[in-house]
């Protein structure tokens, strides 16, 4: 029984870690896009969407 509890705790910890990593990557992507857009606007490039 203790082995099962330990295994489940390890699995839950791994899932939580994975979620945190995915959220961190998503935030980094958003920040990168925003910074890139600001740099392009600052350089005088016109960004047309659509």
C-alpha atoms as a PDB file:
ATOM      1  CA  UNK A   1       0.000   0.000   0.000  1.00  0.00           C
ATOM      2  CA  UNK A   2       2.802   2.433   0.833  1.00  0.00           C
ATOM      3  CA  UNK A   3       4.414   1.739  -2.549  1.00  0.00           C
ATOM      4  CA  UNK A   4       1.183   2.728  -4.304  1.00  0.00           C
ATOM      5  CA  UNK A   5       0.964   5.956  -2.297  1.00  0.00           C
ATOM      6  CA  UNK A   6       4.569   6.840  -3.106  1.00  0.00           C
ATOM      7  CA  UNK A   7       4.021   6.092  -6.807  1.00  0.00           C
ATOM      8  CA  UNK A   8       0.867   8.215  -6.910  1.00  0.00           C
ATOM      9  CA  UNK A   9       2.635  11.105  -5.159  1.00  0.00           C
ATOM     10  CA  UNK A  10       5.474  10.911  -7.698  1.00  0.00           C
ATOM     11  CA  UNK A  11       3.027  10.881 -10.615  1.00  0.00           C
ATOM     12  CA  UNK A  12       1.063  13.842  -9.244  1.00  0.00           C
ATOM     13  CA  UNK A  13       4.268  15.781  -8.640  1.00  0.00           C
ATOM     14  CA  UNK A  14       5.438  15.084 -12.208  1.00  0.00           C
ATOM     15  CA  UNK A  15       2.085  16.260 -13.623  1.00  0.00           C
ATOM     16  CA  UNK A  16       2.196  19.458 -11.541  1.00  0.00           C
ATOM     17  CA  UNK A  17       5.770  20.097 -12.676  1.00  0.00           C
ATOM     18  CA  UNK A  18       4.761  19.544 -16.312  1.00  0.00           C
ATOM     19  CA  UNK A  19       1.844  21.979 -15.999  1.00  0.00           C
ATOM     20  CA  UNK A  20       4.096  24.617 -14.456  1.00  0.00           C
ATOM     21  CA  UNK A  21       6.628  24.153 -17.270  1.00  0.00           C
ATOM     22  CA  UNK A  22       3.901  24.421 -19.930  1.00  0.00           C
ATOM     23  CA  UNK A  23       2.580  27.625 -18.332  1.00  0.00           C
ATOM     24  CA  UNK A  24       6.115  29.049 -18.195  1.00  0.00           C
ATOM     25  CA  UNK A  25       6.667  28.265 -21.889  1.00  0.00           C
ATOM     26  CA  UNK A  26       3.319  29.876 -22.805  1.00  0.00           C
ATOM     27  CA  UNK A  27       4.218  33.038 -20.865  1.00  0.00           C
ATOM     28  CA  UNK A  28       7.628  33.180 -22.545  1.00  0.00           C
ATOM     29  CA  UNK A  29       6.011  32.847 -25.994  1.00  0.00           C
ATOM     30  CA  UNK A  30       3.533  35.670 -25.253  1.00  0.00           C
ATOM     31  CA  UNK A  31       6.295  37.930 -23.917  1.00  0.00           C
ATOM     32  CA  UNK A  32       8.459  37.169 -26.949  1.00  0.00           C
ATOM     33  CA  UNK A  33       5.630  38.017 -29.382  1.00  0.00           C
ATOM     34  CA  UNK A  34       4.856  41.283 -27.590  1.00  0.00           C
ATOM     35  CA  UNK A  35       8.517  42.315 -27.455  1.00  0.00           C
ATOM     36  CA  UNK A  36       8.967  41.374 -31.113  1.00  0.00           C
ATOM     37  CA  UNK A  37       5.941  43.455 -32.115  1.00  0.00           C
ATOM     38  CA  UNK A  38       7.217  46.434 -30.130  1.00  0.00           C
ATOM     39  CA  UNK A  39      10.644  46.148 -31.753  1.00  0.00           C
ATOM     40  CA  UNK A  40       9.104  45.947 -35.239  1.00  0.00           C
ATOM     41  CA  UNK A  41       6.902  48.983 -34.544  1.00  0.00           C
ATOM     42  CA  UNK A  42       9.901  50.810 -33.145  1.00  0.00           C
ATOM     43  CA  UNK A  43      11.842  50.065 -36.332  1.00  0.00           C
ATOM     44  CA  UNK A  44       9.055  51.525 -38.444  1.00  0.00           C
ATOM     45  CA  UNK A  45       7.745  48.239 -39.841  1.00  0.00           C
ATOM     46  CA  UNK A  46       4.011  48.235 -40.371  1.00  0.00           C
ATOM     47  CA  UNK A  47       2.321  45.064 -39.143  1.00  0.00           C
ATOM     48  CA  UNK A  48      -0.890  44.219 -40.999  1.00  0.00           C
ATOM     49  CA  UNK A  49      -3.098  41.469 -39.614  1.00  0.00           C
ATOM     50  CA  UNK A  50      -5.791  39.852 -41.705  1.00  0.00           C
END
